[in-house]
Amino acid sequence: MPIPAASLSRQPCRALPPLTLAPGLEIARARAHEFCGPARRTLALIAARATTGPVIWIAPAWSAERLHPDGVLRLIEPGRLIFAHPARAPDLMWSMEEALRAGAAALVVAELPEPPRLTPVRRLHLAAETGAAEGPVAPTGLILTPGDGGAPGVETRWHIAPAHAGGRSRWRLERRRARQAPPASFTLTPATGGGFAAIHASDTGAAPAWAGITD
């Protein structure tokens, strides 16, 4: 006997372990997140480091800024990156949505010239959930936006800026929006033996001054 359409409902995505950026810093898989600030690409590569397999990286064809293999190598193997360069602005979000829905890559990154509207962000969430339920892996979406970002409806929003000093690499990382966590600030530094460590601002006193560099 056929089941009436009114009886059908979308089942929630299965429980998934979070994607760990650094010990104590996690983001939900199968959702769309926003990374903004001058070091947003670095943070996206740190997220890629926490995954396996290919990473789909979408960027405008008209942008003069491209990832450099030598710079990527300090974080992940450049061969993991699959690049897409749409020629039209609307195709950036469309490409990301389709990549998430396919569930073929654990991470899908899109560099955007400005924050998207609410409806496209909601579509990203649905596409990521579909990919997690039907694809081989649970995809996570990262939208990279300039300045302070501001995309509505994202699962989390993170702002990252360089704070290098004394010949040591470090970044000022702020969690500005999260559905299940309060705003917070961290100092992110490379950890001994690989990976990264995050120190909560309350554990270090005042945050370090930002250096005038972009990654």
N, C-alpha and C. Protein backbone atom coordinates (compact mmCIF):
# COMPACT_ATOMS: atom_id res chain seq x y z
N MET A 1 0.86 -1.19 0.00
CA MET A 1 0.00 0.00 0.00
C MET A 1 0.89 1.25 0.00
N PRO A 2 0.72 2.15 -0.95
CA PRO A 2 1.56 3.35 -0.99
C PRO A 2 1.38 4.20 0.26
N ILE A 3 2.45 4.82 0.69
CA ILE A 3 2.40 5.72 1.85
C ILE A 3 1.94 7.09 1.37
N PRO A 4 0.90 7.67 1.98
CA PRO A 4 0.45 9.01 1.58
C PRO A 4 1.58 10.01 1.68
N ALA A 5 1.61 10.95 0.71
CA ALA A 5 2.66 11.95 0.70
C ALA A 5 2.68 12.76 1.99
N ALA A 6 1.50 13.00 2.58
CA ALA A 6 1.42 13.80 3.80
C ALA A 6 2.11 13.12 4.97
N SER A 7 2.33 11.79 4.87
CA SER A 7 2.95 11.06 5.97
C SER A 7 4.47 11.07 5.89
N LEU A 8 5.00 11.54 4.76
CA LEU A 8 6.44 11.54 4.57
C LEU A 8 7.03 12.80 5.17
N SER A 9 8.20 12.67 5.77
CA SER A 9 8.90 13.83 6.32
C SER A 9 10.40 13.61 6.17
N ARG A 10 11.11 14.69 6.07
CA ARG A 10 12.56 14.63 5.96
C ARG A 10 13.15 14.24 7.29
N GLN A 11 13.98 13.18 7.32
CA GLN A 11 14.60 12.75 8.55
C GLN A 11 15.84 13.59 8.83
N PRO A 12 16.11 13.90 10.09
CA PRO A 12 17.31 14.69 10.39
C PRO A 12 18.57 13.93 10.02
N CYS A 13 19.61 14.68 9.66
CA CYS A 13 20.88 14.06 9.29
C CYS A 13 21.42 13.29 10.49
N ARG A 14 22.03 12.15 10.24
CA ARG A 14 22.58 11.34 11.32
C ARG A 14 23.62 12.14 12.11
N ALA A 15 23.75 11.77 13.38
CA ALA A 15 24.71 12.47 14.23
C ALA A 15 26.11 12.31 13.65
N LEU A 16 26.81 13.41 13.54
CA LEU A 16 28.14 13.40 12.93
C LEU A 16 29.15 14.00 13.90
N PRO A 17 30.35 13.45 13.94
CA PRO A 17 31.39 14.08 14.77
C PRO A 17 31.75 15.43 14.18
N PRO A 18 32.10 16.41 15.01
CA PRO A 18 32.43 17.74 14.49
C PRO A 18 33.77 17.74 13.77
N LEU A 19 34.00 18.80 13.03
CA LEU A 19 35.28 19.02 12.37
C LEU A 19 36.13 19.87 13.32
N THR A 20 37.28 19.36 13.71
CA THR A 20 38.12 20.02 14.71
C THR A 20 39.17 20.88 14.05
N LEU A 21 39.11 22.20 14.25
CA LEU A 21 40.11 23.12 13.74
C LEU A 21 41.38 23.08 14.59
N ALA A 22 41.17 22.99 15.90
CA ALA A 22 42.24 22.87 16.89
C ALA A 22 41.58 22.30 18.14
N PRO A 23 42.34 21.70 19.04
CA PRO A 23 41.71 21.19 20.26
C PRO A 23 40.84 22.23 20.95
N GLY A 24 39.58 21.90 21.13
CA GLY A 24 38.64 22.83 21.74
C GLY A 24 37.93 23.74 20.78
N LEU A 25 38.30 23.71 19.49
CA LEU A 25 37.65 24.53 18.47
C LEU A 25 37.04 23.60 17.43
N GLU A 26 35.73 23.55 17.39
CA GLU A 26 35.04 22.62 16.50
C GLU A 26 33.92 23.31 15.74
N ILE A 27 33.64 22.80 14.54
CA ILE A 27 32.48 23.26 13.77
C ILE A 27 31.69 22.04 13.32
N ALA A 28 30.39 22.22 13.15
CA ALA A 28 29.53 21.11 12.80
C ALA A 28 29.72 20.72 11.34
N ARG A 29 29.74 19.44 11.07
CA ARG A 29 29.76 18.96 9.69
C ARG A 29 28.37 19.04 9.09
N ALA A 30 28.30 18.95 7.79
CA ALA A 30 27.04 18.98 7.05
C ALA A 30 26.27 20.28 7.27
N ARG A 31 27.01 21.37 7.49
CA ARG A 31 26.42 22.70 7.64
C ARG A 31 27.31 23.69 6.89
N ALA A 32 26.84 24.93 6.76
CA ALA A 32 27.59 25.99 6.10
C ALA A 32 28.08 27.00 7.14
N HIS A 33 29.35 27.33 7.09
CA HIS A 33 29.97 28.25 8.02
C HIS A 33 30.60 29.41 7.25
N GLU A 34 30.80 30.52 7.94
CA GLU A 34 31.41 31.69 7.31
C GLU A 34 32.74 32.00 7.97
N PHE A 35 33.79 32.13 7.15
CA PHE A 35 35.10 32.59 7.60
C PHE A 35 35.34 33.96 6.96
N CYS A 36 35.66 34.95 7.76
CA CYS A 36 35.92 36.29 7.24
C CYS A 36 37.21 36.82 7.85
N GLY A 37 37.61 38.01 7.41
CA GLY A 37 38.84 38.59 7.90
C GLY A 37 40.00 38.35 6.94
N PRO A 38 41.13 39.04 7.15
CA PRO A 38 42.24 38.98 6.20
C PRO A 38 42.92 37.62 6.09
N ALA A 39 42.79 36.75 7.10
CA ALA A 39 43.44 35.44 7.05
C ALA A 39 42.42 34.32 6.87
N ARG A 40 41.30 34.62 6.24
CA ARG A 40 40.22 33.62 6.09
C ARG A 40 40.67 32.41 5.27
N ARG A 41 41.51 32.62 4.27
CA ARG A 41 41.98 31.47 3.48
C ARG A 41 42.86 30.55 4.32
N THR A 42 43.67 31.13 5.19
CA THR A 42 44.49 30.32 6.08
C THR A 42 43.62 29.45 6.97
N LEU A 43 42.56 30.03 7.52
CA LEU A 43 41.66 29.26 8.38
C LEU A 43 40.97 28.15 7.59
N ALA A 44 40.61 28.42 6.34
CA ALA A 44 39.98 27.39 5.51
C ALA A 44 40.96 26.24 5.26
N LEU A 45 42.23 26.55 5.06
CA LEU A 45 43.23 25.50 4.86
C LEU A 45 43.47 24.72 6.15
N ILE A 46 43.37 25.37 7.30
CA ILE A 46 43.46 24.67 8.57
C ILE A 46 42.30 23.69 8.71
N ALA A 47 41.11 24.12 8.29
CA ALA A 47 39.95 23.22 8.30
C ALA A 47 40.17 22.06 7.33
N ALA A 48 40.75 22.36 6.16
CA ALA A 48 41.02 21.30 5.19
C ALA A 48 42.00 20.28 5.76
N ARG A 49 42.94 20.75 6.56
CA ARG A 49 43.92 19.87 7.18
C ARG A 49 43.25 18.81 8.05
N ALA A 50 42.09 19.15 8.60
CA ALA A 50 41.37 18.24 9.49
C ALA A 50 40.52 17.23 8.73
N THR A 51 40.53 17.28 7.41
CA THR A 51 39.75 16.35 6.59
C THR A 51 40.69 15.47 5.77
N THR A 52 40.12 14.49 5.11
CA THR A 52 40.87 13.65 4.19
C THR A 52 40.20 13.71 2.83
N GLY A 53 40.95 13.34 1.79
CA GLY A 53 40.38 13.32 0.46
C GLY A 53 40.39 14.69 -0.19
N PRO A 54 39.68 14.81 -1.31
CA PRO A 54 39.71 16.07 -2.07
C PRO A 54 38.98 17.20 -1.36
N VAL A 55 39.42 18.42 -1.65
CA VAL A 55 38.79 19.64 -1.18
C VAL A 55 38.41 20.45 -2.41
N ILE A 56 37.14 20.80 -2.53
CA ILE A 56 36.69 21.60 -3.67
C ILE A 56 36.78 23.07 -3.28
N TRP A 57 37.53 23.83 -4.08
CA TRP A 57 37.77 25.25 -3.78
C TRP A 57 37.24 26.08 -4.96
N ILE A 58 36.21 26.86 -4.69
CA ILE A 58 35.53 27.64 -5.72
C ILE A 58 35.90 29.11 -5.54
N ALA A 59 36.33 29.76 -6.62
CA ALA A 59 36.72 31.17 -6.56
C ALA A 59 36.35 31.84 -7.86
N PRO A 60 36.08 33.14 -7.84
CA PRO A 60 35.69 33.85 -9.07
C PRO A 60 36.79 33.79 -10.13
N ALA A 61 36.38 33.59 -11.37
CA ALA A 61 37.35 33.56 -12.46
C ALA A 61 38.03 34.91 -12.64
N TRP A 62 37.35 35.99 -12.25
CA TRP A 62 37.89 37.33 -12.46
C TRP A 62 38.83 37.78 -11.33
N SER A 63 38.96 36.99 -10.29
CA SER A 63 39.82 37.38 -9.17
C SER A 63 41.29 37.16 -9.51
N ALA A 64 42.12 38.13 -9.18
CA ALA A 64 43.55 38.00 -9.43
C ALA A 64 44.26 37.22 -8.33
N GLU A 65 43.58 36.99 -7.21
CA GLU A 65 44.19 36.28 -6.09
C GLU A 65 43.92 34.79 -6.20
N ARG A 66 44.97 33.98 -6.20
CA ARG A 66 44.86 32.52 -6.29
C ARG A 66 45.78 31.89 -5.25
N LEU A 67 45.41 30.74 -4.76
CA LEU A 67 46.26 30.02 -3.82
C LEU A 67 47.56 29.62 -4.52
N HIS A 68 48.66 29.74 -3.79
CA HIS A 68 49.97 29.36 -4.33
C HIS A 68 50.35 28.00 -3.75
N PRO A 69 50.75 27.04 -4.58
CA PRO A 69 51.06 25.70 -4.07
C PRO A 69 52.09 25.69 -2.94
N ASP A 70 53.14 26.51 -3.03
CA ASP A 70 54.15 26.53 -1.98
C ASP A 70 53.58 27.01 -0.65
N GLY A 71 52.65 27.95 -0.71
CA GLY A 71 52.02 28.42 0.52
C GLY A 71 51.05 27.41 1.09
N VAL A 72 50.35 26.69 0.22
CA VAL A 72 49.40 25.68 0.65
C VAL A 72 50.11 24.50 1.30
N LEU A 73 51.31 24.18 0.80
CA LEU A 73 52.03 22.98 1.21
C LEU A 73 52.32 22.94 2.70
N ARG A 74 52.45 24.10 3.34
CA ARG A 74 52.73 24.09 4.78
C ARG A 74 51.53 23.62 5.60
N LEU A 75 50.37 23.53 4.95
CA LEU A 75 49.17 23.11 5.65
C LEU A 75 48.58 21.81 5.11
N ILE A 76 48.45 21.69 3.78
CA ILE A 76 47.93 20.47 3.20
C ILE A 76 48.65 20.18 1.89
N GLU A 77 48.49 18.97 1.39
CA GLU A 77 49.05 18.61 0.11
C GLU A 77 48.27 19.34 -1.00
N PRO A 78 48.94 20.15 -1.81
CA PRO A 78 48.22 20.92 -2.85
C PRO A 78 47.42 20.05 -3.81
N GLY A 79 47.86 18.80 -4.02
CA GLY A 79 47.14 17.93 -4.94
C GLY A 79 45.75 17.56 -4.48
N ARG A 80 45.42 17.84 -3.22
CA ARG A 80 44.07 17.56 -2.73
C ARG A 80 43.05 18.58 -3.21
N LEU A 81 43.53 19.73 -3.67
CA LEU A 81 42.63 20.82 -4.04
C LEU A 81 42.11 20.65 -5.46
N ILE A 82 40.80 20.74 -5.60
CA ILE A 82 40.14 20.75 -6.91
C ILE A 82 39.54 22.14 -7.08
N PHE A 83 40.03 22.89 -8.06
CA PHE A 83 39.61 24.28 -8.23
C PHE A 83 38.48 24.39 -9.25
N ALA A 84 37.56 25.30 -8.96
CA ALA A 84 36.51 25.69 -9.91
C ALA A 84 36.47 27.20 -9.94
N HIS A 85 36.43 27.77 -11.16
CA HIS A 85 36.46 29.23 -11.31
C HIS A 85 35.29 29.69 -12.18
N PRO A 86 34.08 29.80 -11.59
CA PRO A 86 32.93 30.28 -12.36
C PRO A 86 33.15 31.70 -12.88
N ALA A 87 32.61 31.95 -14.06
CA ALA A 87 32.78 33.26 -14.69
C ALA A 87 31.71 34.25 -14.26
N ARG A 88 30.62 33.77 -13.65
CA ARG A 88 29.53 34.66 -13.23
C ARG A 88 29.33 34.56 -11.73
N ALA A 89 29.02 35.69 -11.09
CA ALA A 89 28.83 35.71 -9.65
C ALA A 89 27.75 34.74 -9.17
N PRO A 90 26.57 34.64 -9.84
CA PRO A 90 25.55 33.70 -9.35
C PRO A 90 26.01 32.24 -9.37
N ASP A 91 26.98 31.93 -10.22
CA ASP A 91 27.43 30.55 -10.33
C ASP A 91 28.33 30.12 -9.18
N LEU A 92 28.82 31.07 -8.39
CA LEU A 92 29.63 30.72 -7.24
C LEU A 92 28.82 29.91 -6.22
N MET A 93 27.67 30.45 -5.84
CA MET A 93 26.82 29.75 -4.88
C MET A 93 26.20 28.50 -5.49
N TRP A 94 25.84 28.57 -6.76
CA TRP A 94 25.27 27.38 -7.42
C TRP A 94 26.28 26.24 -7.43
N SER A 95 27.53 26.56 -7.74
CA SER A 95 28.57 25.52 -7.77
C SER A 95 28.78 24.92 -6.39
N MET A 96 28.77 25.78 -5.37
CA MET A 96 28.95 25.28 -4.00
C MET A 96 27.80 24.38 -3.59
N GLU A 97 26.60 24.81 -3.91
CA GLU A 97 25.42 24.01 -3.56
C GLU A 97 25.47 22.63 -4.21
N GLU A 98 25.83 22.58 -5.49
CA GLU A 98 25.89 21.30 -6.19
C GLU A 98 26.99 20.41 -5.63
N ALA A 99 28.13 21.02 -5.28
CA ALA A 99 29.23 20.24 -4.72
C ALA A 99 28.85 19.65 -3.36
N LEU A 100 28.17 20.43 -2.54
CA LEU A 100 27.72 19.92 -1.25
C LEU A 100 26.70 18.80 -1.42
N ARG A 101 25.78 18.98 -2.32
CA ARG A 101 24.73 17.99 -2.53
C ARG A 101 25.30 16.65 -3.00
N ALA A 102 26.39 16.70 -3.77
CA ALA A 102 27.00 15.47 -4.27
C ALA A 102 27.63 14.65 -3.15
N GLY A 103 28.08 15.30 -2.09
CA GLY A 103 28.70 14.58 -0.98
C GLY A 103 29.95 13.83 -1.38
N ALA A 104 30.69 14.35 -2.35
CA ALA A 104 31.89 13.67 -2.84
C ALA A 104 33.16 14.20 -2.19
N ALA A 105 33.10 15.35 -1.54
CA ALA A 105 34.26 15.95 -0.89
C ALA A 105 33.88 16.37 0.52
N ALA A 106 34.78 16.13 1.47
CA ALA A 106 34.48 16.45 2.86
C ALA A 106 34.42 17.94 3.12
N LEU A 107 35.06 18.74 2.25
CA LEU A 107 35.07 20.18 2.44
C LEU A 107 34.86 20.88 1.11
N VAL A 108 33.96 21.85 1.10
CA VAL A 108 33.69 22.66 -0.08
C VAL A 108 33.85 24.12 0.34
N VAL A 109 34.76 24.83 -0.30
CA VAL A 109 35.07 26.21 0.04
C VAL A 109 34.69 27.11 -1.13
N ALA A 110 34.08 28.24 -0.82
CA ALA A 110 33.73 29.21 -1.87
C ALA A 110 34.17 30.60 -1.45
N GLU A 111 35.03 31.21 -2.25
CA GLU A 111 35.43 32.59 -2.03
C GLU A 111 34.39 33.50 -2.68
N LEU A 112 33.77 34.36 -1.88
CA LEU A 112 32.70 35.22 -2.38
C LEU A 112 33.10 36.69 -2.29
N PRO A 113 32.67 37.51 -3.24
CA PRO A 113 33.00 38.94 -3.19
C PRO A 113 32.24 39.69 -2.12
N GLU A 114 31.11 39.13 -1.66
CA GLU A 114 30.31 39.75 -0.61
C GLU A 114 29.46 38.67 0.06
N PRO A 115 28.95 38.92 1.27
CA PRO A 115 28.13 37.92 1.94
C PRO A 115 26.86 37.61 1.16
N PRO A 116 26.46 36.34 1.08
CA PRO A 116 25.22 35.99 0.39
C PRO A 116 24.00 36.31 1.23
N ARG A 117 22.83 36.22 0.60
CA ARG A 117 21.58 36.46 1.31
C ARG A 117 21.16 35.20 2.08
N LEU A 118 20.07 35.32 2.85
CA LEU A 118 19.62 34.23 3.72
C LEU A 118 19.19 33.00 2.93
N THR A 119 18.38 33.19 1.87
CA THR A 119 17.86 32.04 1.14
C THR A 119 18.97 31.17 0.54
N PRO A 120 19.98 31.75 -0.13
CA PRO A 120 21.07 30.90 -0.62
C PRO A 120 21.82 30.16 0.49
N VAL A 121 21.96 30.78 1.66
CA VAL A 121 22.63 30.11 2.77
C VAL A 121 21.80 28.91 3.24
N ARG A 122 20.50 29.10 3.32
CA ARG A 122 19.64 27.98 3.71
C ARG A 122 19.74 26.84 2.71
N ARG A 123 19.86 27.17 1.45
CA ARG A 123 20.00 26.14 0.43
C ARG A 123 21.32 25.37 0.61
N LEU A 124 22.35 26.06 1.06
CA LEU A 124 23.61 25.38 1.32
C LEU A 124 23.47 24.36 2.45
N HIS A 125 22.77 24.76 3.52
CA HIS A 125 22.54 23.82 4.62
C HIS A 125 21.80 22.57 4.13
N LEU A 126 20.75 22.76 3.37
CA LEU A 126 19.97 21.63 2.86
C LEU A 126 20.81 20.76 1.94
N ALA A 127 21.64 21.39 1.10
CA ALA A 127 22.48 20.63 0.19
C ALA A 127 23.51 19.81 0.97
N ALA A 128 24.09 20.40 2.01
CA ALA A 128 25.07 19.68 2.82
C ALA A 128 24.42 18.50 3.55
N GLU A 129 23.22 18.70 4.04
CA GLU A 129 22.50 17.60 4.71
C GLU A 129 22.19 16.49 3.73
N THR A 130 21.79 16.86 2.51
CA THR A 130 21.52 15.85 1.49
C THR A 130 22.79 15.09 1.15
N GLY A 131 23.90 15.81 0.97
CA GLY A 131 25.16 15.15 0.67
C GLY A 131 25.60 14.20 1.77
N ALA A 132 25.37 14.58 3.03
CA ALA A 132 25.74 13.71 4.15
C ALA A 132 24.88 12.46 4.19
N ALA A 133 23.61 12.60 3.82
CA ALA A 133 22.70 11.47 3.88
C ALA A 133 22.85 10.53 2.68
N GLU A 134 23.21 11.08 1.52
CA GLU A 134 23.19 10.27 0.30
C GLU A 134 24.57 10.08 -0.33
N GLY A 135 25.53 10.90 0.01
CA GLY A 135 26.85 10.82 -0.61
C GLY A 135 27.81 9.95 0.17
N PRO A 136 29.01 9.75 -0.36
CA PRO A 136 30.00 8.92 0.32
C PRO A 136 30.60 9.55 1.57
N VAL A 137 30.60 10.89 1.66
CA VAL A 137 31.14 11.57 2.85
C VAL A 137 30.17 12.67 3.26
N ALA A 138 30.33 13.14 4.50
CA ALA A 138 29.51 14.25 5.00
C ALA A 138 30.23 15.56 4.69
N PRO A 139 29.72 16.36 3.75
CA PRO A 139 30.42 17.58 3.35
C PRO A 139 30.15 18.74 4.31
N THR A 140 31.15 19.58 4.45
CA THR A 140 31.02 20.81 5.22
C THR A 140 31.30 21.98 4.28
N GLY A 141 30.48 23.02 4.36
CA GLY A 141 30.64 24.18 3.48
C GLY A 141 31.26 25.36 4.21
N LEU A 142 32.23 26.00 3.56
CA LEU A 142 32.85 27.21 4.10
C LEU A 142 32.70 28.32 3.08
N ILE A 143 32.06 29.41 3.47
CA ILE A 143 32.01 30.57 2.60
C ILE A 143 33.00 31.59 3.15
N LEU A 144 33.87 32.07 2.28
CA LEU A 144 34.89 33.05 2.66
C LEU A 144 34.46 34.41 2.18
N THR A 145 34.30 35.34 3.10
CA THR A 145 33.81 36.67 2.77
C THR A 145 34.79 37.73 3.25
N PRO A 146 34.89 38.86 2.54
CA PRO A 146 35.85 39.89 2.93
C PRO A 146 35.39 40.68 4.15
N GLY A 147 36.33 41.39 4.75
CA GLY A 147 35.99 42.28 5.86
C GLY A 147 35.44 41.53 7.05
N ASP A 148 34.33 42.04 7.58
CA ASP A 148 33.70 41.44 8.75
C ASP A 148 32.62 40.44 8.38
N GLY A 149 32.48 40.11 7.10
CA GLY A 149 31.46 39.13 6.70
C GLY A 149 30.07 39.64 6.98
N GLY A 150 29.22 38.74 7.42
CA GLY A 150 27.85 39.12 7.77
C GLY A 150 26.79 38.31 7.07
N ALA A 151 27.11 37.12 6.57
CA ALA A 151 26.10 36.30 5.91
C ALA A 151 25.06 35.83 6.93
N PRO A 152 23.77 36.05 6.67
CA PRO A 152 22.74 35.61 7.61
C PRO A 152 22.53 34.10 7.52
N GLY A 153 22.17 33.50 8.64
CA GLY A 153 21.77 32.10 8.64
C GLY A 153 22.89 31.09 8.68
N VAL A 154 24.17 31.53 8.74
CA VAL A 154 25.27 30.57 8.79
C VAL A 154 25.29 29.87 10.15
N GLU A 155 25.83 28.66 10.17
CA GLU A 155 25.92 27.91 11.43
C GLU A 155 26.87 28.61 12.40
N THR A 156 28.04 29.04 11.90
CA THR A 156 28.97 29.82 12.70
C THR A 156 29.63 30.87 11.81
N ARG A 157 30.12 31.93 12.45
CA ARG A 157 30.92 32.94 11.74
C ARG A 157 32.20 33.16 12.53
N TRP A 158 33.34 33.07 11.84
CA TRP A 158 34.65 33.24 12.45
C TRP A 158 35.41 34.36 11.74
N HIS A 159 36.02 35.24 12.51
CA HIS A 159 36.89 36.29 11.96
C HIS A 159 38.31 35.98 12.39
N ILE A 160 39.23 36.01 11.43
CA ILE A 160 40.63 35.70 11.75
C ILE A 160 41.54 36.73 11.10
N ALA A 161 42.52 37.17 11.88
CA ALA A 161 43.49 38.16 11.40
C ALA A 161 44.87 37.80 11.93
N PRO A 162 45.92 38.11 11.20
CA PRO A 162 47.27 37.79 11.66
C PRO A 162 47.65 38.61 12.88
N ALA A 163 48.40 37.98 13.77
CA ALA A 163 48.94 38.66 14.95
C ALA A 163 50.36 38.15 15.19
N HIS A 164 51.12 38.00 14.11
CA HIS A 164 52.47 37.45 14.20
C HIS A 164 53.38 38.41 14.97
N ALA A 165 54.27 37.85 15.77
CA ALA A 165 55.18 38.69 16.56
C ALA A 165 56.39 37.86 16.96
N GLY A 166 57.52 38.51 17.07
CA GLY A 166 58.71 37.83 17.54
C GLY A 166 59.16 36.68 16.67
N GLY A 167 58.87 36.76 15.38
CA GLY A 167 59.25 35.69 14.47
C GLY A 167 58.39 34.45 14.58
N ARG A 168 57.28 34.52 15.30
CA ARG A 168 56.39 33.37 15.49
C ARG A 168 55.05 33.65 14.82
N SER A 169 54.50 32.63 14.22
CA SER A 169 53.19 32.75 13.56
C SER A 169 52.08 32.60 14.58
N ARG A 170 51.13 33.49 14.54
CA ARG A 170 49.93 33.36 15.36
C ARG A 170 48.85 34.25 14.77
N TRP A 171 47.62 33.91 15.11
CA TRP A 171 46.47 34.62 14.56
C TRP A 171 45.48 34.91 15.68
N ARG A 172 44.80 36.01 15.53
CA ARG A 172 43.70 36.38 16.42
C ARG A 172 42.42 35.82 15.79
N LEU A 173 41.78 34.89 16.48
CA LEU A 173 40.59 34.22 15.97
C LEU A 173 39.40 34.56 16.86
N GLU A 174 38.32 35.02 16.24
CA GLU A 174 37.11 35.37 16.99
C GLU A 174 35.92 34.55 16.49
N ARG A 175 35.24 33.92 17.41
CA ARG A 175 33.97 33.28 17.09
C ARG A 175 32.88 34.32 17.32
N ARG A 176 32.37 34.86 16.23
CA ARG A 176 31.42 35.97 16.33
C ARG A 176 29.97 35.53 16.29
N ARG A 177 29.73 34.35 15.78
CA ARG A 177 28.36 33.83 15.76
C ARG A 177 28.43 32.32 15.81
N ALA A 178 27.57 31.72 16.64
CA ALA A 178 27.44 30.27 16.67
C ALA A 178 26.09 29.93 17.28
N ARG A 179 25.46 28.94 16.72
CA ARG A 179 24.14 28.56 17.21
C ARG A 179 24.20 27.95 18.61
N GLN A 180 25.30 27.29 18.93
CA GLN A 180 25.37 26.56 20.19
C GLN A 180 26.58 26.93 21.04
N ALA A 181 27.15 28.11 20.81
CA ALA A 181 28.30 28.54 21.61
C ALA A 181 28.32 30.07 21.66
N PRO A 182 28.84 30.64 22.75
CA PRO A 182 28.89 32.10 22.87
C PRO A 182 30.04 32.69 22.06
N PRO A 183 30.01 34.00 21.79
CA PRO A 183 31.17 34.64 21.17
C PRO A 183 32.41 34.46 22.03
N ALA A 184 33.56 34.34 21.37
CA ALA A 184 34.80 34.13 22.12
C ALA A 184 35.97 34.52 21.23
N SER A 185 37.12 34.79 21.87
CA SER A 185 38.35 35.14 21.16
C SER A 185 39.45 34.16 21.55
N PHE A 186 40.31 33.87 20.58
CA PHE A 186 41.39 32.91 20.79
C PHE A 186 42.66 33.41 20.12
N THR A 187 43.79 32.93 20.59
CA THR A 187 45.05 33.06 19.88
C THR A 187 45.37 31.69 19.29
N LEU A 188 45.52 31.63 17.98
CA LEU A 188 45.77 30.38 17.27
C LEU A 188 47.23 30.33 16.87
N THR A 189 47.92 29.24 17.24
CA THR A 189 49.34 29.11 16.96
C THR A 189 49.64 27.70 16.47
N PRO A 190 50.70 27.54 15.66
CA PRO A 190 51.12 26.18 15.28
C PRO A 190 51.56 25.41 16.52
N ALA A 191 51.20 24.14 16.58
CA ALA A 191 51.54 23.30 17.72
C ALA A 191 52.76 22.44 17.42
N THR A 192 53.49 22.10 18.43
CA THR A 192 54.64 21.22 18.27
C THR A 192 54.19 19.87 17.73
N GLY A 193 54.84 19.40 16.69
CA GLY A 193 54.48 18.12 16.12
C GLY A 193 53.39 18.20 15.08
N GLY A 194 52.98 19.41 14.70
CA GLY A 194 51.94 19.57 13.69
C GLY A 194 50.63 19.98 14.29
N GLY A 195 49.73 20.44 13.47
CA GLY A 195 48.43 20.90 13.94
C GLY A 195 48.52 22.30 14.53
N PHE A 196 47.46 22.68 15.25
CA PHE A 196 47.38 24.02 15.81
C PHE A 196 46.83 23.97 17.21
N ALA A 197 47.19 24.98 17.99
CA ALA A 197 46.69 25.12 19.35
C ALA A 197 45.93 26.43 19.45
N ALA A 198 44.86 26.42 20.22
CA ALA A 198 44.04 27.60 20.41
C ALA A 198 43.99 27.94 21.89
N ILE A 199 44.41 29.14 22.24
CA ILE A 199 44.38 29.60 23.62
C ILE A 199 43.28 30.64 23.76
N HIS A 200 42.35 30.38 24.66
CA HIS A 200 41.25 31.31 24.88
C HIS A 200 41.79 32.63 25.40
N ALA A 201 41.22 33.73 24.94
CA ALA A 201 41.71 35.06 25.33
C ALA A 201 41.68 35.26 26.83
N SER A 202 40.73 34.65 27.52
CA SER A 202 40.65 34.82 28.97
C SER A 202 41.82 34.16 29.69
N ASP A 203 42.53 33.24 28.98
CA ASP A 203 43.68 32.57 29.59
C ASP A 203 44.98 33.32 29.35
N THR A 204 44.95 34.32 28.47
CA THR A 204 46.19 35.02 28.12
C THR A 204 46.13 36.51 28.41
N GLY A 205 45.02 37.00 28.95
CA GLY A 205 44.89 38.43 29.17
C GLY A 205 44.53 39.12 27.88
N ALA A 206 45.08 40.31 27.67
CA ALA A 206 44.75 41.09 26.48
C ALA A 206 45.22 40.38 25.23
N ALA A 207 44.44 40.51 24.18
CA ALA A 207 44.80 39.90 22.90
C ALA A 207 45.99 40.64 22.30
N PRO A 208 46.84 39.92 21.56
CA PRO A 208 48.00 40.58 20.94
C PRO A 208 47.59 41.56 19.87
N ALA A 209 48.43 42.55 19.62
CA ALA A 209 48.15 43.51 18.57
C ALA A 209 48.25 42.85 17.22
N TRP A 210 47.43 43.26 16.28
CA TRP A 210 47.44 42.70 14.95
C TRP A 210 48.62 43.25 14.16
N ALA A 211 49.26 42.36 13.42
CA ALA A 211 50.33 42.79 12.54
C ALA A 211 49.74 43.18 11.20
N GLY A 212 50.43 44.04 10.47
CA GLY A 212 49.87 44.54 9.21
C GLY A 212 50.19 43.64 8.04
N ILE A 213 49.83 42.34 8.14
CA ILE A 213 50.01 41.41 7.03
C ILE A 213 48.73 40.66 6.80
N THR A 214 48.67 39.89 5.75
CA THR A 214 47.37 39.38 5.30
C THR A 214 47.21 37.88 5.37
N ASP A 215 48.14 37.13 5.93
CA ASP A 215 47.91 35.68 6.04
C ASP A 215 48.68 35.10 7.21
